[in-house]
Amino acid sequence: MDISIREGILTPDTFAGLRAACGMPELETALVGRAIESSLFTLSAVNGSRTVGMVRVVGDGAFVFLIYDLLVVPLWRRRGIGSRLVEEAVSRAKLFVPPGRAVVVSLFSAEGREGFYSRLGFTELPAAGLGAGMQCFYL
C-alpha cells in the first residue's frame, strides 16, 4: 500500500466523492468549494491517482484548530490512513504557533469512534477541568 499525504490538492468533486463513498449527504458544489477555500489547510491521502481519504482543518490560525471532515473510503479503512491524516494535521497545526506555545486541536468524533481519537492523544469530554463539547444546528 503506497499512500502519500498531500496538502492543498482537495477539489470540490473529490470532497463530494469521498462524502458519497462514506455514506454522507450530498452538499452543493459551491458550498463545498467555499468550505475548502476557507479551511486553514486540507490534507489528502492519495494512492496513485486516487484520493482515498482527507482531513480538513479550520480555526483561527493562531492557537485554536478544529479537525473536521476526516474521511477515509470504507475499503481503505483500518490501514492507518486516518491515523496518519490526524497525526499530520496536528503536526502542521503546530507549525502555525511559535515553539513553546500551547496549541488547542479539537474535533467532533463520530458516535462510537471516540476510542480511535483517544489512541491518538485526544481526551474525551467532559473530563476533569474540561466541560462537554457542545453543538447546535440551525435551519
Protein backbone atom coordinates (compact mmCIF):
# COMPACT_ATOMS: atom_id res chain seq x y z
CA MET A 1 0.00 0.00 0.00
CA ASP A 2 1.64 3.20 -1.18
CA ILE A 3 -0.18 6.16 0.38
CA SER A 4 1.15 9.69 0.24
CA ILE A 5 -0.25 12.59 2.25
CA ARG A 6 -0.55 15.74 0.13
CA GLU A 7 -1.61 19.23 1.14
CA GLY A 8 -3.88 21.58 -0.78
CA ILE A 9 -4.99 19.30 -3.63
CA LEU A 10 -8.57 18.67 -2.44
CA THR A 11 -11.18 19.71 -5.01
CA PRO A 12 -14.94 20.02 -4.50
CA ASP A 13 -15.52 16.97 -6.74
CA THR A 14 -13.06 14.84 -4.77
CA PHE A 15 -14.54 16.02 -1.47
CA ALA A 16 -18.04 15.19 -2.73
CA GLY A 17 -16.89 11.76 -3.92
CA LEU A 18 -15.35 10.94 -0.54
CA ARG A 19 -18.51 12.08 1.26
CA ALA A 20 -20.62 9.86 -1.00
CA ALA A 21 -18.29 6.87 -0.53
CA CYS A 22 -18.62 7.34 3.24
CA GLY A 23 -22.44 7.49 3.08
CA MET A 24 -22.70 11.19 3.91
CA PRO A 25 -25.31 13.53 2.43
CA GLU A 26 -24.52 15.42 -0.76
CA LEU A 27 -23.64 19.12 -0.48
CA GLU A 28 -23.81 21.84 -3.12
CA THR A 29 -20.55 22.19 -5.09
CA ALA A 30 -20.31 25.94 -4.39
CA LEU A 31 -20.72 25.33 -0.67
CA VAL A 32 -18.05 22.61 -0.69
CA GLY A 33 -15.71 24.90 -2.65
CA ARG A 34 -16.18 27.69 -0.11
CA ALA A 35 -15.52 25.25 2.75
CA ILE A 36 -12.24 24.13 1.16
CA GLU A 37 -11.14 27.70 0.43
CA SER A 38 -11.95 28.81 3.98
CA SER A 39 -10.00 25.97 5.58
CA LEU A 40 -6.61 26.64 7.12
CA PHE A 41 -5.43 23.59 5.21
CA THR A 42 -6.58 20.28 3.79
CA LEU A 43 -4.67 17.03 3.57
CA SER A 44 -5.43 14.22 1.15
CA ALA A 45 -4.38 10.56 1.34
CA VAL A 46 -3.51 9.50 -2.19
CA ASN A 47 -2.87 6.08 -3.69
CA GLY A 48 -1.58 6.51 -7.24
CA SER A 49 -4.04 8.93 -8.79
CA ARG A 50 -6.89 8.09 -6.42
CA THR A 51 -7.72 10.08 -3.28
CA VAL A 52 -8.78 7.58 -0.60
CA GLY A 53 -9.02 9.91 2.39
CA MET A 54 -8.88 13.51 3.54
CA VAL A 55 -8.98 15.79 6.53
CA ARG A 56 -9.87 19.45 6.71
CA VAL A 57 -8.56 21.80 9.42
CA VAL A 58 -10.27 25.07 10.29
CA GLY A 59 -9.61 27.57 13.05
CA ASP A 60 -8.05 30.92 13.82
CA GLY A 61 -4.56 30.00 12.63
CA ALA A 62 -3.13 31.30 15.89
CA PHE A 63 -3.72 28.70 18.59
CA VAL A 64 -7.14 27.11 18.02
CA PHE A 65 -7.58 24.41 15.38
CA LEU A 66 -10.53 22.16 14.59
CA ILE A 67 -10.09 18.91 12.72
CA TYR A 68 -13.14 18.48 10.58
CA ASP A 69 -14.28 16.12 7.84
CA LEU A 70 -11.88 13.25 8.46
CA LEU A 71 -12.96 10.84 5.74
CA VAL A 72 -11.45 7.55 4.59
CA VAL A 73 -13.12 5.43 1.90
CA PRO A 74 -14.50 2.33 3.66
CA LEU A 75 -12.42 -0.12 1.58
CA TRP A 76 -9.27 1.72 2.72
CA ARG A 77 -10.08 1.87 6.44
CA ARG A 78 -8.10 0.01 9.12
CA ARG A 79 -4.82 0.58 7.29
CA GLY A 80 -3.59 3.52 9.37
CA ILE A 81 -4.68 6.18 6.87
CA GLY A 82 -6.99 8.02 9.26
CA SER A 83 -4.30 7.98 11.95
CA ARG A 84 -1.72 9.35 9.52
CA LEU A 85 -4.08 12.12 8.44
CA VAL A 86 -4.84 13.17 12.03
CA GLU A 87 -1.20 12.98 13.11
CA GLU A 88 -0.10 15.04 10.11
CA ALA A 89 -2.90 17.57 10.72
CA VAL A 90 -1.75 18.04 14.31
CA SER A 91 1.89 18.38 13.22
CA ARG A 92 1.01 21.02 10.65
CA ALA A 93 -1.24 22.90 13.09
CA LYS A 94 1.76 23.17 15.45
CA LEU A 95 3.71 24.94 12.69
CA PHE A 96 1.34 27.93 12.96
CA VAL A 97 2.36 28.58 16.57
CA PRO A 98 5.70 29.72 17.98
CA PRO A 99 7.65 26.96 19.77
CA GLY A 100 6.62 26.54 23.39
CA ARG A 101 3.12 27.94 22.88
CA ALA A 102 0.05 25.82 23.50
CA VAL A 103 -1.94 24.58 20.53
CA VAL A 104 -5.56 23.54 21.00
CA VAL A 105 -6.69 20.93 18.48
CA SER A 106 -10.34 19.96 18.82
CA LEU A 107 -12.69 17.70 16.90
CA PHE A 108 -16.12 16.13 16.94
CA SER A 109 -15.93 12.36 16.94
CA ALA A 110 -18.48 10.29 15.08
CA GLU A 111 -20.50 8.24 17.54
CA GLY A 112 -18.61 5.12 18.56
CA ARG A 113 -15.26 6.36 17.16
CA GLU A 114 -14.05 8.05 20.35
CA GLY A 115 -11.54 5.24 21.01
CA PHE A 116 -9.81 5.93 17.68
CA TYR A 117 -9.16 9.54 18.70
CA SER A 118 -8.24 8.61 22.27
CA ARG A 119 -5.46 6.40 20.90
CA LEU A 120 -4.15 9.48 19.07
CA GLY A 121 -3.99 11.54 22.28
CA PHE A 122 -7.38 13.26 22.31
CA THR A 123 -9.35 13.49 25.55
CA GLU A 124 -13.00 12.52 25.58
CA LEU A 125 -15.19 15.27 27.04
CA PRO A 126 -16.31 16.01 29.63
CA ALA A 127 -13.05 15.49 31.54
CA ALA A 128 -11.53 16.96 34.70
CA GLY A 129 -11.33 20.70 34.15
CA LEU A 130 -13.00 20.45 30.73
CA GLY A 131 -16.73 20.56 30.09
CA ALA A 132 -18.61 18.63 27.45
CA GLY A 133 -18.28 19.63 23.83
CA MET A 134 -21.48 21.20 22.60
CA GLN A 135 -23.07 21.79 19.23
CA CYS A 136 -26.20 23.39 17.81
CA PHE A 137 -27.71 23.02 14.34
CA TYR A 138 -29.87 25.81 12.90
CA LEU A 139 -32.18 25.57 9.91
